[in-house]
């Protein structure tokens, strides 16, 4: 199949060269691996290329690049605590443009961070161009076991839009696998996300040009998205820069259903192009992906705002005033005394203080661990503030 596609690509290149049209050839699995490794090696202070595991059938590397400021100096605990955006591609191996989107976004972040280190300050990016190396290598939708990896995740597994029958390449159907999370590739991807303080998860696909929600919000099998205010705000902002609209998912057991359901991240499929199977685009790859990359940039550049994000405005010895500047609400706000259940976007509140720590949840949905969305902020020492208050009182009495 790869040889046949190469001949077709060569013939297409000759035809388009004669007609004067611009064309660009997509990466293969091997060239993507080589180029990703080479790209990371150019930025040793902020990027680490690593192998996450091997594919089911052909023993091909599932590789990723981890990006953070001074990454080689960080402990695993420090790295895993950073607010993180995770981007992956080719759950479906025949969707080569999804790997290209992941690679180009990685390239952009590295180039900008090298020019301005503040672009990376306080956050982390992880990119996996191909979750399904076997499918990517042979231009097949599913993995070596004929499982549609994007129907194999545990959250809502098998509820709708899947098949219990194996298909065959190239299309290979929507076979969900013998059990939830049965595939090595699925397990590796979930384990990676469990080691992240995950704020945003974008999984690139092709077949259309739009955005897919993690759960259905209309029709049969609809499930309310608890943090819909956040999703709606981001989707509106994204539409303003990219023009992309959103829709319900086509099947259950998708990676983004698990990304939000289990890891409490803003999780979306980005359908980056309507092209599938073809190894060539009749324009530049970057040009074809320009709108989608704008959406990626929007999420990355505002990562800390994804959810509730409280900013301290004023503080006394017994109270603290904060404003929520995030894109979603903040929940269960407390400084050791009273608890305010919800602080809306842009809302300002004053809360009593009995602690040097202000705690809140940046999402209402908890995921598989209760503290996934917990944010803790250090406040000025209560003792110092009390001493300052007494000092001011003494000065007032002397006057």
Protein backbone atom coordinates (compact mmCIF):
# COMPACT_ATOMS: atom_id res chain seq x y z
CA UNK A 1 0.00 0.00 0.00
CA UNK A 2 2.78 2.43 0.91
CA UNK A 3 4.50 1.73 -2.44
CA UNK A 4 1.24 2.26 -4.34
CA UNK A 5 0.60 5.54 -2.55
CA UNK A 6 4.14 6.67 -3.33
CA UNK A 7 3.55 6.07 -7.04
CA UNK A 8 0.27 7.98 -6.86
CA UNK A 9 1.98 10.80 -5.02
CA UNK A 10 4.74 10.94 -7.64
CA UNK A 11 2.22 11.01 -10.47
CA UNK A 12 0.24 13.73 -8.71
CA UNK A 13 3.38 15.80 -8.18
CA UNK A 14 4.21 15.62 -11.89
CA UNK A 15 0.68 16.62 -12.84
CA UNK A 16 0.47 19.54 -10.44
CA UNK A 17 3.98 20.72 -11.26
CA UNK A 18 2.96 20.91 -14.89
CA UNK A 19 -0.21 22.80 -14.01
CA UNK A 20 1.67 25.24 -11.80
CA UNK A 21 -0.20 24.40 -8.57
CA UNK A 22 1.64 24.37 -5.24
CA UNK A 23 1.78 20.99 -3.52
CA UNK A 24 3.38 19.60 -0.40
CA UNK A 25 3.99 16.00 0.63
CA UNK A 26 2.99 14.92 4.13
CA UNK A 27 5.32 13.18 6.53
CA UNK A 28 5.46 9.42 6.74
CA UNK A 29 5.75 7.81 10.17
CA UNK A 30 9.53 7.50 9.79
CA UNK A 31 10.10 11.05 8.58
CA UNK A 32 7.80 12.43 11.30
CA UNK A 33 9.76 10.58 13.95
CA UNK A 34 13.09 11.80 12.56
CA UNK A 35 11.95 15.40 12.14
CA UNK A 36 10.36 15.52 15.60
CA UNK A 37 13.51 14.19 17.23
CA UNK A 38 15.64 16.66 15.26
CA UNK A 39 13.34 19.54 16.17
CA UNK A 40 13.54 18.77 19.89
CA UNK A 41 17.34 18.46 19.73
CA UNK A 42 17.57 22.05 18.49
CA UNK A 43 16.11 23.30 21.80
CA UNK A 44 17.84 21.21 24.51
CA UNK A 45 17.09 23.66 27.33
CA UNK A 46 13.32 23.58 26.84
CA UNK A 47 12.46 20.34 24.98
CA UNK A 48 12.89 16.63 25.63
CA UNK A 49 12.08 13.93 23.06
CA UNK A 50 11.09 10.61 24.62
CA UNK A 51 9.68 7.21 23.77
CA UNK A 52 6.44 6.43 25.61
CA UNK A 53 6.02 2.82 24.49
CA UNK A 54 5.71 0.56 21.47
CA UNK A 55 2.80 -0.08 19.13
CA UNK A 56 0.78 -3.30 19.07
CA UNK A 57 1.86 -4.93 15.82
CA UNK A 58 4.95 -3.37 14.25
CA UNK A 59 6.74 -2.38 17.47
CA UNK A 60 6.96 1.24 16.39
CA UNK A 61 7.71 3.97 18.91
CA UNK A 62 4.96 6.12 20.32
CA UNK A 63 7.07 9.23 20.81
CA UNK A 64 6.42 12.63 22.31
CA UNK A 65 8.11 15.93 23.05
CA UNK A 66 7.86 17.61 26.44
CA UNK A 67 8.35 21.38 26.52
CA UNK A 68 8.89 23.58 29.58
CA UNK A 69 11.20 26.37 30.68
CA UNK A 70 14.53 24.97 31.96
CA UNK A 71 13.06 21.50 31.61
CA UNK A 72 16.29 19.63 32.34
CA UNK A 73 16.49 21.30 35.76
CA UNK A 74 12.96 20.31 36.84
CA UNK A 75 12.15 17.27 38.94
CA UNK A 76 9.35 14.98 37.74
CA UNK A 77 7.17 16.38 40.51
CA UNK A 78 7.82 19.97 39.45
CA UNK A 79 7.22 19.18 35.78
CA UNK A 80 4.01 17.26 36.44
CA UNK A 81 2.64 20.15 38.53
CA UNK A 82 2.85 22.71 35.72
CA UNK A 83 -0.42 23.66 33.99
CA UNK A 84 -0.27 21.59 30.81
CA UNK A 85 -1.63 21.59 27.29
CA UNK A 86 -1.52 18.20 25.57
CA UNK A 87 -1.81 17.80 21.80
CA UNK A 88 -1.91 14.51 19.91
CA UNK A 89 -2.55 13.24 16.38
CA UNK A 90 -3.33 10.18 14.26
CA UNK A 91 -5.52 8.18 16.55
CA UNK A 92 -6.71 7.28 13.07
CA UNK A 93 -3.63 6.37 11.06
CA UNK A 94 -5.05 7.51 7.73
CA UNK A 95 -5.43 11.09 8.99
CA UNK A 96 -1.93 12.35 8.29
CA UNK A 97 -2.79 16.03 8.54
CA UNK A 98 -3.54 15.53 12.23
CA UNK A 99 0.11 14.65 12.81
CA UNK A 100 1.15 17.68 10.77
CA UNK A 101 -0.96 19.99 12.94
CA UNK A 102 0.67 18.61 16.09
CA UNK A 103 4.16 18.97 14.63
CA UNK A 104 3.65 22.52 13.36
CA UNK A 105 2.21 23.68 16.68
CA UNK A 106 5.19 22.17 18.50
CA UNK A 107 7.53 23.91 16.08
CA UNK A 108 5.80 27.26 16.59
CA UNK A 109 5.93 27.07 20.39
CA UNK A 110 9.60 26.11 20.39
CA UNK A 111 10.57 28.91 18.00
CA UNK A 112 8.64 31.55 19.94
CA UNK A 113 9.93 30.32 23.29
CA UNK A 114 13.54 30.48 22.10
CA UNK A 115 12.98 34.10 21.10
CA UNK A 116 11.04 34.97 24.27
CA UNK A 117 11.36 32.57 27.24
CA UNK A 118 8.35 34.19 28.96
CA UNK A 119 6.21 32.45 26.33
CA UNK A 120 6.84 29.24 28.31
CA UNK A 121 6.79 30.65 31.82
CA UNK A 122 4.73 28.66 34.30
CA UNK A 123 3.35 26.07 31.90
CA UNK A 124 4.08 22.91 29.96
CA UNK A 125 3.33 21.57 26.48
CA UNK A 126 3.35 17.89 25.52
CA UNK A 127 2.94 16.78 21.90
CA UNK A 128 2.45 13.25 20.54
CA UNK A 129 2.21 13.40 16.74
CA UNK A 130 1.03 9.80 16.40
CA UNK A 131 -0.92 7.81 18.98
CA UNK A 132 -1.36 5.03 16.38
CA UNK A 133 2.03 4.41 14.71
CA UNK A 134 0.98 1.14 13.06
CA UNK A 135 -2.01 2.75 11.39
CA UNK A 136 0.06 5.80 10.46
CA UNK A 137 2.73 3.59 8.89
CA UNK A 138 0.32 1.57 6.72
CA UNK A 139 -2.29 4.29 6.06
CA UNK A 140 -5.01 2.48 8.02
CA UNK A 141 -7.64 4.08 10.25
CA UNK A 142 -7.39 1.53 13.05
CA UNK A 143 -4.53 -0.10 14.93
CA UNK A 144 -2.95 -3.50 14.23
CA UNK A 145 -5.83 -5.26 16.01
CA UNK A 146 -8.37 -3.44 13.80
CA UNK A 147 -9.50 -1.45 16.84
CA UNK A 148 -10.60 2.14 16.37
CA UNK A 149 -8.51 3.70 19.12
CA UNK A 150 -10.86 6.65 19.28
CA UNK A 151 -13.67 4.36 20.40
CA UNK A 152 -11.54 2.40 22.91
CA UNK A 153 -11.31 4.80 25.86
CA UNK A 154 -13.10 3.82 29.08
CA UNK A 155 -15.31 6.86 29.48
CA UNK A 156 -18.76 6.09 27.97
CA UNK A 157 -17.22 3.13 26.13
CA UNK A 158 -19.64 1.39 23.76
CA UNK A 159 -22.66 3.64 24.43
CA UNK A 160 -23.23 4.71 20.82
CA UNK A 161 -21.54 5.18 17.44
CA UNK A 162 -19.30 2.12 17.69
CA UNK A 163 -19.15 -1.41 16.31
CA UNK A 164 -18.51 -4.78 17.93
CA UNK A 165 -17.22 -6.16 14.62
CA UNK A 166 -13.68 -5.88 13.32
CA UNK A 167 -13.25 -4.07 10.03
CA UNK A 168 -10.46 -4.11 7.48
CA UNK A 169 -8.11 -1.45 6.12
CA UNK A 170 -8.14 1.20 4.92
CA UNK A 171 -11.44 2.41 6.41
CA UNK A 172 -11.65 -0.41 9.00
CA UNK A 173 -14.79 0.83 10.76
CA UNK A 174 -15.42 1.84 14.35
CA UNK A 175 -14.67 -1.41 16.19
CA UNK A 176 -14.37 -0.40 19.83
CA UNK A 177 -12.21 -3.34 20.92
CA UNK A 178 -12.94 -6.35 23.14
CA UNK A 179 -13.04 -4.23 26.29
CA UNK A 180 -12.63 -0.62 27.36
CA UNK A 181 -9.04 0.56 27.25
CA UNK A 182 -7.94 -2.78 25.82
CA UNK A 183 -5.29 -1.43 23.45
CA UNK A 184 -1.67 -0.69 24.28
CA UNK A 185 -1.83 2.63 22.46
CA UNK A 186 -4.88 3.71 24.45
CA UNK A 187 -3.25 2.71 27.72
CA UNK A 188 -0.06 4.62 26.91
CA UNK A 189 -1.97 7.77 26.04
CA UNK A 190 -4.01 7.62 29.23
CA UNK A 191 -0.93 7.04 31.37
CA UNK A 192 0.74 10.06 29.81
CA UNK A 193 -2.23 12.26 30.66
CA UNK A 194 -2.33 10.95 34.22
CA UNK A 195 1.16 12.39 34.69
CA UNK A 196 0.06 15.89 33.69
CA UNK A 197 -1.67 18.76 35.43
CA UNK A 198 -3.93 18.83 32.41
CA UNK A 199 -5.71 22.07 31.56
CA UNK A 200 -6.28 21.59 27.80
CA UNK A 201 -6.32 18.47 25.63
CA UNK A 202 -6.65 18.80 21.85
CA UNK A 203 -6.77 15.64 19.76
CA UNK A 204 -6.33 16.34 16.05
CA UNK A 205 -8.32 14.42 13.43
CA UNK A 206 -9.35 14.89 9.81
CA UNK A 207 -12.57 14.39 7.90
CA UNK A 208 -14.08 17.85 8.35
CA UNK A 209 -13.16 21.35 9.48
CA UNK A 210 -14.76 21.84 12.89
CA UNK A 211 -14.53 21.11 16.60
CA UNK A 212 -15.99 18.07 18.36
CA UNK A 213 -17.29 18.24 21.94
CA UNK A 214 -16.27 15.60 24.50
CA UNK A 215 -19.87 14.56 25.22
CA UNK A 216 -23.11 14.79 23.28
CA UNK A 217 -25.18 17.75 24.43
CA UNK A 218 -28.18 17.11 22.15
CA UNK A 219 -30.37 14.15 21.25
CA UNK A 220 -30.13 10.60 22.54
CA UNK A 221 -27.24 9.87 24.93
CA UNK A 222 -26.86 13.58 25.70
CA UNK A 223 -24.92 14.25 28.91
CA UNK A 224 -24.69 17.76 30.41
CA UNK A 225 -21.17 19.20 30.39
CA UNK A 226 -20.84 20.55 33.92
CA UNK A 227 -18.38 23.25 32.86
CA UNK A 228 -20.37 24.29 29.80
CA UNK A 229 -19.90 28.00 30.57
CA UNK A 230 -16.15 27.51 30.12
CA UNK A 231 -16.57 25.44 26.96
CA UNK A 232 -18.99 27.93 25.46
CA UNK A 233 -16.71 30.88 26.21
CA UNK A 234 -13.68 29.17 24.68
CA UNK A 235 -15.61 27.98 21.63
CA UNK A 236 -16.89 31.51 20.99
CA UNK A 237 -13.39 32.95 21.34
CA UNK A 238 -12.07 30.23 19.06
CA UNK A 239 -14.71 30.95 16.43
CA UNK A 240 -13.63 34.59 16.45
CA UNK A 241 -10.04 33.70 15.52
CA UNK A 242 -10.45 30.48 13.53
CA UNK A 243 -14.00 30.48 12.21
CA UNK A 244 -14.47 26.89 13.41
CA UNK A 245 -17.89 25.76 14.64
CA UNK A 246 -18.57 22.87 17.03
CA UNK A 247 -20.70 19.72 17.03
CA UNK A 248 -21.52 16.60 19.03
CA UNK A 249 -19.18 13.59 18.88
CA UNK A 250 -19.98 10.81 16.43
CA UNK A 251 -19.23 7.97 18.82
CA UNK A 252 -18.62 7.04 22.44
CA UNK A 253 -15.31 6.02 23.97
CA UNK A 254 -13.37 8.86 22.38
CA UNK A 255 -10.15 10.15 23.88
CA UNK A 256 -11.66 13.55 24.64
CA UNK A 257 -14.60 12.00 26.51
CA UNK A 258 -12.00 10.47 28.82
CA UNK A 259 -9.88 13.64 28.82
CA UNK A 260 -12.72 15.66 30.31
CA UNK A 261 -14.51 12.89 32.16
CA UNK A 262 -11.48 11.40 33.90
CA UNK A 263 -8.86 14.17 33.80
CA UNK A 264 -11.11 17.26 34.02
CA UNK A 265 -9.39 19.04 31.12
CA UNK A 266 -10.96 21.24 28.47
CA UNK A 267 -10.97 18.45 25.88
CA UNK A 268 -11.81 18.84 22.20
CA UNK A 269 -11.24 17.06 18.92
CA UNK A 270 -9.99 19.50 16.30
CA UNK A 271 -10.94 18.31 12.83
CA UNK A 272 -8.08 20.04 11.07
CA UNK A 273 -8.83 19.12 7.45
CA UNK A 274 -11.34 17.14 5.40
CA UNK A 275 -8.59 15.16 3.68
CA UNK A 276 -7.93 11.50 4.52
CA UNK A 277 -5.57 8.87 3.08
CA UNK A 278 -3.89 11.25 0.62
CA UNK A 279 -0.13 11.78 1.18
CA UNK A 280 -0.25 15.16 -0.57
CA UNK A 281 -1.99 18.50 -0.12
CA UNK A 282 -2.57 20.81 -3.06
CA UNK A 283 -1.33 23.80 -1.07
CA UNK A 284 1.16 24.26 1.74
CA UNK A 285 0.50 22.19 4.85
CA UNK A 286 0.75 25.27 7.05
CA UNK A 287 -1.65 27.14 4.80
CA UNK A 288 -4.19 24.32 5.02
CA UNK A 289 -3.93 24.31 8.83
CA UNK A 290 -3.76 28.05 9.46
CA UNK A 291 -7.17 28.43 11.13
CA UNK A 292 -6.70 25.38 13.34
CA UNK A 293 -3.27 26.57 14.48
CA UNK A 294 -4.84 29.87 15.53
CA UNK A 295 -7.15 27.90 17.82
CA UNK A 296 -4.17 26.03 19.30
CA UNK A 297 -2.40 29.35 19.89
CA UNK A 298 -5.46 30.78 21.63
CA UNK A 299 -5.54 27.93 24.14
CA UNK A 300 -1.80 27.94 24.76
CA UNK A 301 -1.41 31.68 25.21
CA UNK A 302 -4.31 31.78 27.69
CA UNK A 303 -3.71 28.44 29.39
CA UNK A 304 -3.94 29.74 32.96
CA UNK A 305 -7.36 31.25 32.18
CA UNK A 306 -8.91 27.91 31.21
CA UNK A 307 -11.33 27.60 34.10
CA UNK A 308 -11.66 29.83 37.12
CA UNK A 309 -8.56 31.94 37.81
CA UNK A 310 -8.60 34.11 40.93
CA UNK A 311 -6.44 37.21 41.21
CA UNK A 312 -5.85 38.89 44.58
CA UNK A 313 -6.94 42.53 44.60
CA UNK A 314 -6.64 43.37 48.30
CA UNK A 315 -5.78 41.65 51.55
CA UNK A 316 -6.12 42.54 55.24
CA UNK A 317 -5.35 40.53 58.34
CA UNK A 318 -8.83 38.99 58.37
CA UNK A 319 -10.05 39.10 54.75
CA UNK A 320 -8.96 38.80 51.14
CA UNK A 321 -10.58 40.32 48.04
CA UNK A 322 -10.21 38.48 44.74
CA UNK A 323 -11.47 38.77 41.18
CA UNK A 324 -12.08 35.84 38.86
CA UNK A 325 -10.30 36.71 35.60
CA UNK A 326 -10.60 33.19 34.21
CA UNK A 327 -12.79 31.96 31.35
CA UNK A 328 -14.93 29.85 33.65
CA UNK A 329 -16.29 30.00 37.18
CA UNK A 330 -14.24 29.25 40.31
CA UNK A 331 -15.76 26.93 42.92
CA UNK A 332 -15.50 26.24 46.67
CA UNK A 333 -13.42 29.32 47.40
CA UNK A 334 -12.08 29.40 50.96
CA UNK A 335 -9.25 30.89 53.00
CA UNK A 336 -9.80 28.63 55.97
CA UNK A 337 -13.13 30.01 57.11
CA UNK A 338 -16.26 30.54 55.06
CA UNK A 339 -16.72 28.84 51.69
CA UNK A 340 -18.12 30.59 48.64
CA UNK A 341 -19.49 27.91 46.35
CA UNK A 342 -19.19 29.75 43.04
CA UNK A 343 -17.49 32.88 41.73
CA UNK A 344 -18.56 33.79 38.22
CA UNK A 345 -16.29 35.07 35.47
CA UNK A 346 -15.21 38.69 36.23
CA UNK A 347 -16.91 38.61 39.66
CA UNK A 348 -15.18 40.25 42.64
CA UNK A 349 -15.65 38.85 46.16
CA UNK A 350 -14.29 39.47 49.65
CA UNK A 351 -13.91 36.43 51.87
CA UNK A 352 -12.90 36.05 55.52
CA UNK A 353 -9.41 34.71 56.15
CA UNK A 354 -8.34 32.16 58.73
CA UNK A 355 -5.40 30.70 56.83
CA UNK A 356 -2.34 31.67 54.82
CA UNK A 357 -3.68 29.60 51.91
CA UNK A 358 -6.57 30.40 49.58
CA UNK A 359 -8.05 27.29 47.96
CA UNK A 360 -10.51 26.90 45.10
CA UNK A 361 -11.44 24.56 42.27
CA UNK A 362 -10.97 25.94 38.74
CA UNK A 363 -13.67 23.56 37.38
CA UNK A 364 -16.77 22.08 38.95
CA UNK A 365 -16.19 18.67 37.32
CA UNK A 366 -13.68 16.73 39.44
CA UNK A 367 -12.61 13.85 37.21
CA UNK A 368 -11.14 10.64 38.58
CA UNK A 369 -9.24 12.38 41.41
CA UNK A 370 -10.83 14.87 43.80
CA UNK A 371 -7.92 17.35 43.77
CA UNK A 372 -7.34 17.49 39.99
CA UNK A 373 -8.69 21.03 39.68
CA UNK A 374 -7.64 22.32 43.11
CA UNK A 375 -5.69 25.59 43.11
CA UNK A 376 -3.85 26.81 46.22
CA UNK A 377 -2.61 30.38 46.54
CA UNK A 378 -0.23 31.67 49.21
CA UNK A 379 -1.53 34.66 51.13
CA UNK A 380 0.40 37.18 53.19
CA UNK A 381 1.10 35.88 56.68
CA UNK A 382 -1.80 36.54 59.05
CA UNK A 383 0.63 37.26 61.87
CA UNK A 384 2.47 39.93 59.87
CA UNK A 385 -0.78 41.59 58.89
CA UNK A 386 -1.97 41.60 62.50
CA UNK A 387 1.32 43.19 63.60
CA UNK A 388 0.94 45.85 60.91
CA UNK A 389 -2.62 46.52 62.05
CA UNK A 390 -1.50 46.90 65.70
CA UNK A 391 1.36 49.17 64.62
CA UNK A 392 -1.03 51.41 62.70
CA UNK A 393 -3.35 51.49 65.74
CA UNK A 394 -0.49 52.58 68.03
CA UNK A 395 0.54 55.34 65.62
CA UNK A 396 -3.05 56.56 65.49
CA UNK A 397 -3.25 56.71 69.30
CA UNK A 398 0.06 58.63 69.51
CA UNK A 399 -1.22 61.22 67.08
